[in-house]
Amino acid sequence: MSTPAAAVTLREITAETVRTVCDLQVRPEQQAFVASNAVSIAQAHFDAKAWFRAIYAGEEPVGFVMLSLDEKTPEYCIWRFMIDARHQGRGYGRAALELAIDAIRGRPGATEVLLSYVPAPGGPEAFYRQAGFQPTGQVIEGEVVMKRLL
C-alpha cells in the first residue's frame, strides 16, 4: 500500500460540504458493506454518542468516518468508515483510520476500539486485520465484531 501523497485530515462537515460528502461512494460491489454517507449523517443527528467527520486528502473530500463515543460505559466504536471508490488504494483509508483511533485515544476509560463488518467476499476484514484489529468472537446482527487495543 502506498503512502498518501496528500495530508489526510478529519474535518467537520458543514452546510457547504455536506452535499459533496454525501456524493462520495464506495465501489458498487462494496455498497452492501456500509450505509450511505447521507444515511449516516442523518443517524448521527439523532444519536448523542455519534461523532462524524469527512476524510480529506489535502483539500479534497475522499471519505467519511463516524464513531460511537460512549464515555459512560465506556465503549468506543468505529461505526461507519468509507473511502470513495476513486480514492481507494492510495493509503488514505489507513491514515484516516489511525486519525479516528487517535480521536478515541485519551477519552475516559478508552482501552480499546471496536468495529464490526459484514463477513462476505470483498469485505473489509483484511484491511482491518492489517490495521491491528482482531476478532472478538462476537457476531452481532450478522456482523463480526473486532477490537484493537489502544
N, C-alpha and C. Protein backbone atom coordinates (compact mmCIF):
# COMPACT_ATOMS: atom_id res chain seq x y z
N MET A 1 0.86 -1.19 0.00
CA MET A 1 0.00 0.00 0.00
C MET A 1 0.89 1.23 0.00
N SER A 2 0.52 2.19 -0.78
CA SER A 2 1.32 3.41 -0.89
C SER A 2 1.01 4.38 0.25
N THR A 3 1.94 5.26 0.48
CA THR A 3 1.75 6.32 1.46
C THR A 3 0.97 7.43 0.78
N PRO A 4 0.00 8.05 1.47
CA PRO A 4 -0.77 9.11 0.83
C PRO A 4 0.11 10.27 0.40
N ALA A 5 -0.13 10.75 -0.82
CA ALA A 5 0.63 11.89 -1.32
C ALA A 5 0.18 13.18 -0.66
N ALA A 6 -1.11 13.29 -0.36
CA ALA A 6 -1.67 14.48 0.27
C ALA A 6 -1.90 14.19 1.75
N ALA A 7 -1.76 15.20 2.58
CA ALA A 7 -2.01 15.04 4.01
C ALA A 7 -3.47 14.67 4.25
N VAL A 8 -3.69 13.67 5.08
CA VAL A 8 -5.05 13.22 5.39
C VAL A 8 -5.46 13.88 6.71
N THR A 9 -6.67 14.44 6.71
CA THR A 9 -7.23 15.09 7.90
C THR A 9 -8.69 14.69 8.04
N LEU A 10 -9.19 14.85 9.25
CA LEU A 10 -10.62 14.66 9.52
C LEU A 10 -11.19 16.04 9.80
N ARG A 11 -12.26 16.40 9.08
CA ARG A 11 -12.84 17.73 9.22
C ARG A 11 -14.34 17.66 9.45
N GLU A 12 -14.83 18.63 10.21
CA GLU A 12 -16.28 18.73 10.41
C GLU A 12 -16.96 18.95 9.08
N ILE A 13 -18.16 18.41 8.97
CA ILE A 13 -18.97 18.58 7.76
C ILE A 13 -19.84 19.81 7.97
N THR A 14 -19.84 20.68 7.00
CA THR A 14 -20.58 21.94 7.09
C THR A 14 -21.70 21.98 6.06
N ALA A 15 -22.51 23.01 6.13
CA ALA A 15 -23.56 23.20 5.13
C ALA A 15 -22.96 23.29 3.73
N GLU A 16 -21.76 23.84 3.64
CA GLU A 16 -21.11 23.99 2.34
C GLU A 16 -20.53 22.68 1.82
N THR A 17 -20.21 21.73 2.70
CA THR A 17 -19.55 20.49 2.26
C THR A 17 -20.43 19.26 2.31
N VAL A 18 -21.60 19.36 2.93
CA VAL A 18 -22.41 18.16 3.15
C VAL A 18 -22.79 17.46 1.84
N ARG A 19 -23.15 18.20 0.83
CA ARG A 19 -23.56 17.56 -0.43
C ARG A 19 -22.39 16.80 -1.06
N THR A 20 -21.22 17.39 -1.05
CA THR A 20 -20.04 16.73 -1.61
C THR A 20 -19.73 15.45 -0.85
N VAL A 21 -19.82 15.50 0.48
CA VAL A 21 -19.56 14.31 1.30
C VAL A 21 -20.63 13.24 1.04
N CYS A 22 -21.87 13.66 0.90
CA CYS A 22 -22.94 12.70 0.62
C CYS A 22 -22.79 12.05 -0.76
N ASP A 23 -22.15 12.72 -1.68
CA ASP A 23 -21.94 12.17 -3.02
C ASP A 23 -20.82 11.14 -3.09
N LEU A 24 -19.98 11.05 -2.06
CA LEU A 24 -18.90 10.06 -2.05
C LEU A 24 -19.51 8.66 -1.95
N GLN A 25 -18.95 7.72 -2.72
CA GLN A 25 -19.49 6.36 -2.73
C GLN A 25 -18.37 5.33 -2.84
N VAL A 26 -18.58 4.20 -2.21
CA VAL A 26 -17.67 3.07 -2.38
C VAL A 26 -17.94 2.43 -3.73
N ARG A 27 -17.12 1.45 -4.10
CA ARG A 27 -17.34 0.73 -5.35
C ARG A 27 -18.67 -0.02 -5.27
N PRO A 28 -19.33 -0.24 -6.41
CA PRO A 28 -20.64 -0.91 -6.40
C PRO A 28 -20.66 -2.22 -5.61
N GLU A 29 -19.61 -3.03 -5.73
CA GLU A 29 -19.58 -4.32 -5.02
C GLU A 29 -19.37 -4.16 -3.50
N GLN A 30 -19.05 -2.94 -3.05
CA GLN A 30 -18.86 -2.67 -1.62
C GLN A 30 -20.09 -2.04 -0.97
N GLN A 31 -21.08 -1.69 -1.75
CA GLN A 31 -22.23 -0.95 -1.22
C GLN A 31 -23.03 -1.72 -0.18
N ALA A 32 -22.95 -3.04 -0.19
CA ALA A 32 -23.68 -3.83 0.82
C ALA A 32 -22.98 -3.79 2.17
N PHE A 33 -21.76 -3.25 2.22
CA PHE A 33 -20.97 -3.28 3.45
C PHE A 33 -21.10 -2.02 4.30
N VAL A 34 -21.60 -0.93 3.75
CA VAL A 34 -21.64 0.33 4.52
C VAL A 34 -22.83 1.17 4.05
N ALA A 35 -23.48 1.82 5.01
CA ALA A 35 -24.60 2.71 4.68
C ALA A 35 -24.08 3.93 3.93
N SER A 36 -24.95 4.58 3.20
CA SER A 36 -24.55 5.80 2.51
C SER A 36 -24.17 6.88 3.52
N ASN A 37 -23.38 7.82 3.09
CA ASN A 37 -23.00 8.91 3.98
C ASN A 37 -24.21 9.75 4.38
N ALA A 38 -25.16 9.90 3.48
CA ALA A 38 -26.37 10.68 3.81
C ALA A 38 -27.13 10.02 4.96
N VAL A 39 -27.30 8.70 4.89
CA VAL A 39 -27.99 7.98 5.97
C VAL A 39 -27.18 8.10 7.26
N SER A 40 -25.88 7.95 7.18
CA SER A 40 -25.03 8.04 8.38
C SER A 40 -25.12 9.42 9.03
N ILE A 41 -25.07 10.46 8.23
CA ILE A 41 -25.16 11.82 8.78
C ILE A 41 -26.52 12.04 9.43
N ALA A 42 -27.57 11.55 8.78
CA ALA A 42 -28.91 11.68 9.37
C ALA A 42 -28.98 10.94 10.71
N GLN A 43 -28.47 9.72 10.76
CA GLN A 43 -28.48 8.96 12.01
C GLN A 43 -27.69 9.68 13.09
N ALA A 44 -26.56 10.26 12.72
CA ALA A 44 -25.70 10.94 13.69
C ALA A 44 -26.42 12.09 14.37
N HIS A 45 -27.30 12.74 13.66
CA HIS A 45 -28.01 13.88 14.23
C HIS A 45 -29.06 13.47 15.27
N PHE A 46 -29.32 12.16 15.37
CA PHE A 46 -30.28 11.67 16.34
C PHE A 46 -29.65 10.76 17.39
N ASP A 47 -28.32 10.72 17.44
CA ASP A 47 -27.62 9.89 18.41
C ASP A 47 -26.55 10.73 19.09
N ALA A 48 -26.73 11.00 20.37
CA ALA A 48 -25.80 11.88 21.10
C ALA A 48 -24.39 11.32 21.16
N LYS A 49 -24.21 10.01 20.97
CA LYS A 49 -22.88 9.40 21.04
C LYS A 49 -22.13 9.48 19.70
N ALA A 50 -22.80 9.89 18.65
CA ALA A 50 -22.19 9.91 17.32
C ALA A 50 -21.23 11.08 17.15
N TRP A 51 -20.09 10.80 16.56
CA TRP A 51 -19.06 11.79 16.21
C TRP A 51 -18.69 11.47 14.78
N PHE A 52 -18.85 12.43 13.87
CA PHE A 52 -18.60 12.12 12.46
C PHE A 52 -17.78 13.23 11.80
N ARG A 53 -17.00 12.82 10.81
CA ARG A 53 -16.14 13.75 10.10
C ARG A 53 -15.98 13.30 8.65
N ALA A 54 -15.70 14.27 7.79
CA ALA A 54 -15.28 13.97 6.43
C ALA A 54 -13.79 13.69 6.46
N ILE A 55 -13.37 12.77 5.62
CA ILE A 55 -11.95 12.47 5.47
C ILE A 55 -11.47 13.26 4.26
N TYR A 56 -10.42 14.05 4.47
CA TYR A 56 -9.85 14.86 3.38
C TYR A 56 -8.45 14.39 3.06
N ALA A 57 -8.10 14.45 1.78
CA ALA A 57 -6.72 14.30 1.31
C ALA A 57 -6.37 15.65 0.72
N GLY A 58 -5.52 16.38 1.42
CA GLY A 58 -5.28 17.76 1.02
C GLY A 58 -6.57 18.53 1.20
N GLU A 59 -7.06 19.14 0.13
CA GLU A 59 -8.30 19.92 0.20
C GLU A 59 -9.48 19.20 -0.43
N GLU A 60 -9.31 17.91 -0.72
CA GLU A 60 -10.37 17.16 -1.39
C GLU A 60 -11.02 16.14 -0.44
N PRO A 61 -12.34 16.16 -0.31
CA PRO A 61 -13.01 15.14 0.49
C PRO A 61 -12.90 13.79 -0.21
N VAL A 62 -12.45 12.76 0.54
CA VAL A 62 -12.24 11.44 -0.05
C VAL A 62 -12.96 10.33 0.72
N GLY A 63 -13.58 10.67 1.87
CA GLY A 63 -14.24 9.62 2.63
C GLY A 63 -15.01 10.17 3.81
N PHE A 64 -15.45 9.25 4.65
CA PHE A 64 -16.31 9.58 5.78
C PHE A 64 -16.03 8.60 6.91
N VAL A 65 -16.04 9.10 8.13
CA VAL A 65 -15.91 8.25 9.32
C VAL A 65 -16.92 8.71 10.36
N MET A 66 -17.51 7.73 11.06
CA MET A 66 -18.40 8.04 12.17
C MET A 66 -18.05 7.11 13.32
N LEU A 67 -17.89 7.70 14.48
CA LEU A 67 -17.57 6.96 15.69
C LEU A 67 -18.78 6.98 16.62
N SER A 68 -18.84 5.99 17.49
CA SER A 68 -19.79 5.99 18.60
C SER A 68 -18.95 6.13 19.86
N LEU A 69 -19.12 7.24 20.55
CA LEU A 69 -18.31 7.56 21.72
C LEU A 69 -19.21 7.53 22.96
N ASP A 70 -19.19 6.43 23.67
CA ASP A 70 -19.99 6.30 24.88
C ASP A 70 -19.04 6.34 26.07
N GLU A 71 -18.86 7.53 26.63
CA GLU A 71 -17.91 7.71 27.73
C GLU A 71 -18.46 7.15 29.04
N LYS A 72 -19.77 6.96 29.15
CA LYS A 72 -20.36 6.43 30.39
C LYS A 72 -20.05 4.95 30.55
N THR A 73 -20.03 4.19 29.46
CA THR A 73 -19.88 2.74 29.54
C THR A 73 -18.49 2.29 29.98
N PRO A 74 -17.34 2.73 29.59
CA PRO A 74 -17.03 3.38 28.32
C PRO A 74 -16.88 2.36 27.18
N GLU A 75 -17.39 2.75 26.01
CA GLU A 75 -17.25 1.92 24.82
C GLU A 75 -17.07 2.85 23.62
N TYR A 76 -16.06 2.55 22.83
CA TYR A 76 -15.70 3.40 21.70
C TYR A 76 -15.64 2.54 20.44
N CYS A 77 -16.43 2.91 19.46
CA CYS A 77 -16.58 2.10 18.24
C CYS A 77 -16.41 2.94 16.99
N ILE A 78 -15.84 2.32 15.99
CA ILE A 78 -15.89 2.88 14.64
C ILE A 78 -17.18 2.35 14.04
N TRP A 79 -18.13 3.26 13.87
CA TRP A 79 -19.48 2.89 13.47
C TRP A 79 -19.59 2.84 11.95
N ARG A 80 -19.01 3.81 11.27
CA ARG A 80 -19.01 3.84 9.80
C ARG A 80 -17.63 4.30 9.33
N PHE A 81 -17.22 3.73 8.22
CA PHE A 81 -15.92 4.11 7.66
C PHE A 81 -15.95 3.81 6.17
N MET A 82 -15.65 4.81 5.37
CA MET A 82 -15.61 4.58 3.92
C MET A 82 -14.64 5.52 3.24
N ILE A 83 -14.06 5.02 2.16
CA ILE A 83 -13.24 5.83 1.26
C ILE A 83 -13.88 5.72 -0.12
N ASP A 84 -14.07 6.87 -0.76
CA ASP A 84 -14.69 6.92 -2.07
C ASP A 84 -13.94 6.01 -3.05
N ALA A 85 -14.69 5.36 -3.94
CA ALA A 85 -14.11 4.42 -4.91
C ALA A 85 -12.94 5.01 -5.69
N ARG A 86 -13.04 6.30 -6.05
CA ARG A 86 -11.98 6.92 -6.85
C ARG A 86 -10.70 7.14 -6.07
N HIS A 87 -10.76 7.01 -4.75
CA HIS A 87 -9.60 7.32 -3.91
C HIS A 87 -9.07 6.12 -3.14
N GLN A 88 -9.62 4.94 -3.37
CA GLN A 88 -9.15 3.75 -2.67
C GLN A 88 -7.79 3.32 -3.20
N GLY A 89 -7.02 2.67 -2.33
CA GLY A 89 -5.72 2.14 -2.73
C GLY A 89 -4.60 3.15 -2.70
N ARG A 90 -4.83 4.32 -2.13
CA ARG A 90 -3.82 5.37 -2.08
C ARG A 90 -3.27 5.61 -0.67
N GLY A 91 -3.72 4.81 0.30
CA GLY A 91 -3.26 4.97 1.67
C GLY A 91 -4.11 5.91 2.50
N TYR A 92 -5.14 6.50 1.91
CA TYR A 92 -5.98 7.44 2.65
C TYR A 92 -6.77 6.72 3.75
N GLY A 93 -7.24 5.52 3.46
CA GLY A 93 -8.01 4.77 4.44
C GLY A 93 -7.20 4.44 5.67
N ARG A 94 -5.99 3.96 5.48
CA ARG A 94 -5.13 3.61 6.61
C ARG A 94 -4.84 4.85 7.45
N ALA A 95 -4.49 5.96 6.79
CA ALA A 95 -4.18 7.20 7.52
C ALA A 95 -5.41 7.70 8.28
N ALA A 96 -6.58 7.66 7.63
CA ALA A 96 -7.80 8.13 8.27
C ALA A 96 -8.21 7.24 9.44
N LEU A 97 -8.01 5.94 9.30
CA LEU A 97 -8.34 5.01 10.39
C LEU A 97 -7.49 5.34 11.61
N GLU A 98 -6.21 5.62 11.41
CA GLU A 98 -5.34 5.97 12.54
C GLU A 98 -5.77 7.30 13.18
N LEU A 99 -6.22 8.24 12.37
CA LEU A 99 -6.71 9.51 12.92
C LEU A 99 -7.99 9.29 13.74
N ALA A 100 -8.86 8.40 13.27
CA ALA A 100 -10.08 8.09 14.02
C ALA A 100 -9.73 7.43 15.35
N ILE A 101 -8.77 6.52 15.33
CA ILE A 101 -8.33 5.87 16.57
C ILE A 101 -7.71 6.89 17.51
N ASP A 102 -6.94 7.83 16.96
CA ASP A 102 -6.37 8.90 17.78
C ASP A 102 -7.45 9.75 18.44
N ALA A 103 -8.60 9.92 17.76
CA ALA A 103 -9.71 10.70 18.34
C ALA A 103 -10.31 9.99 19.56
N ILE A 104 -10.11 8.69 19.63
CA ILE A 104 -10.62 7.90 20.75
C ILE A 104 -9.60 7.83 21.88
N ARG A 105 -8.34 7.72 21.51
CA ARG A 105 -7.27 7.61 22.50
C ARG A 105 -7.34 8.78 23.47
N GLY A 106 -7.22 8.54 24.73
CA GLY A 106 -7.24 9.62 25.72
C GLY A 106 -8.62 9.95 26.24
N ARG A 107 -9.67 9.38 25.65
CA ARG A 107 -11.01 9.61 26.20
C ARG A 107 -11.15 8.78 27.48
N PRO A 108 -12.03 9.18 28.36
CA PRO A 108 -12.17 8.49 29.65
C PRO A 108 -12.37 6.98 29.49
N GLY A 109 -11.50 6.21 30.10
CA GLY A 109 -11.62 4.75 30.11
C GLY A 109 -11.32 4.06 28.79
N ALA A 110 -10.80 4.78 27.82
CA ALA A 110 -10.55 4.18 26.49
C ALA A 110 -9.36 3.23 26.57
N THR A 111 -9.63 1.94 26.35
CA THR A 111 -8.58 0.93 26.33
C THR A 111 -8.58 0.15 25.02
N GLU A 112 -9.69 0.25 24.28
CA GLU A 112 -9.80 -0.47 23.03
C GLU A 112 -10.78 0.25 22.10
N VAL A 113 -10.69 -0.10 20.83
CA VAL A 113 -11.61 0.41 19.80
C VAL A 113 -12.29 -0.81 19.20
N LEU A 114 -13.60 -0.73 19.07
CA LEU A 114 -14.38 -1.80 18.47
C LEU A 114 -14.88 -1.38 17.09
N LEU A 115 -15.15 -2.36 16.25
CA LEU A 115 -15.82 -2.14 14.97
C LEU A 115 -16.45 -3.45 14.57
N SER A 116 -17.28 -3.41 13.57
CA SER A 116 -17.86 -4.65 13.04
C SER A 116 -17.93 -4.55 11.53
N TYR A 117 -18.00 -5.73 10.91
CA TYR A 117 -18.08 -5.76 9.45
C TYR A 117 -18.94 -6.93 9.02
N VAL A 118 -19.47 -6.83 7.81
CA VAL A 118 -20.25 -7.90 7.21
C VAL A 118 -19.27 -8.90 6.61
N PRO A 119 -19.29 -10.16 7.08
CA PRO A 119 -18.37 -11.15 6.53
C PRO A 119 -18.85 -11.65 5.17
N ALA A 120 -18.15 -11.22 4.13
CA ALA A 120 -18.51 -11.62 2.77
C ALA A 120 -17.30 -11.38 1.87
N PRO A 121 -17.24 -12.08 0.76
CA PRO A 121 -16.14 -11.85 -0.17
C PRO A 121 -16.06 -10.38 -0.57
N GLY A 122 -14.86 -9.84 -0.59
CA GLY A 122 -14.66 -8.44 -0.95
C GLY A 122 -14.88 -7.48 0.20
N GLY A 123 -15.17 -8.00 1.39
CA GLY A 123 -15.40 -7.16 2.56
C GLY A 123 -14.10 -6.60 3.14
N PRO A 124 -14.21 -5.80 4.19
CA PRO A 124 -13.06 -5.09 4.73
C PRO A 124 -12.23 -5.84 5.77
N GLU A 125 -12.49 -7.14 5.98
CA GLU A 125 -11.79 -7.87 7.03
C GLU A 125 -10.27 -7.75 6.92
N ALA A 126 -9.72 -7.99 5.75
CA ALA A 126 -8.26 -7.95 5.60
C ALA A 126 -7.70 -6.56 5.92
N PHE A 127 -8.40 -5.53 5.50
CA PHE A 127 -7.97 -4.15 5.78
C PHE A 127 -7.89 -3.92 7.29
N TYR A 128 -8.95 -4.33 8.01
CA TYR A 128 -8.97 -4.12 9.45
C TYR A 128 -7.93 -4.98 10.17
N ARG A 129 -7.72 -6.20 9.71
CA ARG A 129 -6.68 -7.05 10.32
C ARG A 129 -5.30 -6.41 10.14
N GLN A 130 -5.03 -5.90 8.95
CA GLN A 130 -3.75 -5.24 8.69
C GLN A 130 -3.56 -4.02 9.58
N ALA A 131 -4.66 -3.41 10.02
CA ALA A 131 -4.60 -2.24 10.89
C ALA A 131 -4.55 -2.63 12.37
N GLY A 132 -4.45 -3.93 12.66
CA GLY A 132 -4.28 -4.38 14.03
C GLY A 132 -5.54 -4.80 14.75
N PHE A 133 -6.66 -4.89 14.06
CA PHE A 133 -7.90 -5.34 14.68
C PHE A 133 -7.96 -6.87 14.67
N GLN A 134 -8.52 -7.43 15.74
CA GLN A 134 -8.66 -8.88 15.87
C GLN A 134 -10.11 -9.22 16.20
N PRO A 135 -10.62 -10.34 15.68
CA PRO A 135 -11.99 -10.74 16.02
C PRO A 135 -12.15 -10.98 17.52
N THR A 136 -13.29 -10.60 18.06
CA THR A 136 -13.58 -10.81 19.47
C THR A 136 -14.29 -12.14 19.71
N GLY A 137 -14.80 -12.75 18.65
CA GLY A 137 -15.61 -13.95 18.77
C GLY A 137 -17.10 -13.64 18.79
N GLN A 138 -17.44 -12.35 18.88
CA GLN A 138 -18.84 -11.92 18.88
C GLN A 138 -19.32 -11.68 17.46
N VAL A 139 -20.57 -12.01 17.22
CA VAL A 139 -21.26 -11.67 15.98
C VAL A 139 -22.56 -11.00 16.40
N ILE A 140 -22.77 -9.77 15.95
CA ILE A 140 -23.97 -9.02 16.31
C ILE A 140 -24.71 -8.66 15.03
N GLU A 141 -25.96 -9.10 14.95
CA GLU A 141 -26.80 -8.84 13.77
C GLU A 141 -26.08 -9.23 12.48
N GLY A 142 -25.37 -10.36 12.52
CA GLY A 142 -24.68 -10.87 11.34
C GLY A 142 -23.33 -10.24 11.06
N GLU A 143 -22.91 -9.28 11.91
CA GLU A 143 -21.61 -8.63 11.70
C GLU A 143 -20.58 -9.13 12.70
N VAL A 144 -19.39 -9.40 12.21
CA VAL A 144 -18.29 -9.85 13.04
C VAL A 144 -17.70 -8.65 13.77
N VAL A 145 -17.55 -8.77 15.09
CA VAL A 145 -17.01 -7.69 15.91
C VAL A 145 -15.50 -7.89 16.05
N MET A 146 -14.76 -6.80 15.86
CA MET A 146 -13.30 -6.82 16.02
C MET A 146 -12.91 -5.73 17.02
N LYS A 147 -11.73 -5.88 17.61
CA LYS A 147 -11.23 -4.84 18.51
C LYS A 147 -9.74 -4.64 18.28
N ARG A 148 -9.30 -3.46 18.66
CA ARG A 148 -7.88 -3.12 18.66
C ARG A 148 -7.59 -2.47 19.99
N LEU A 149 -6.61 -2.97 20.69
CA LEU A 149 -6.21 -2.38 21.95
C LEU A 149 -5.49 -1.07 21.70
N LEU A 150 -5.69 -0.12 22.61
CA LEU A 150 -5.02 1.18 22.49
C LEU A 150 -3.69 1.16 23.23
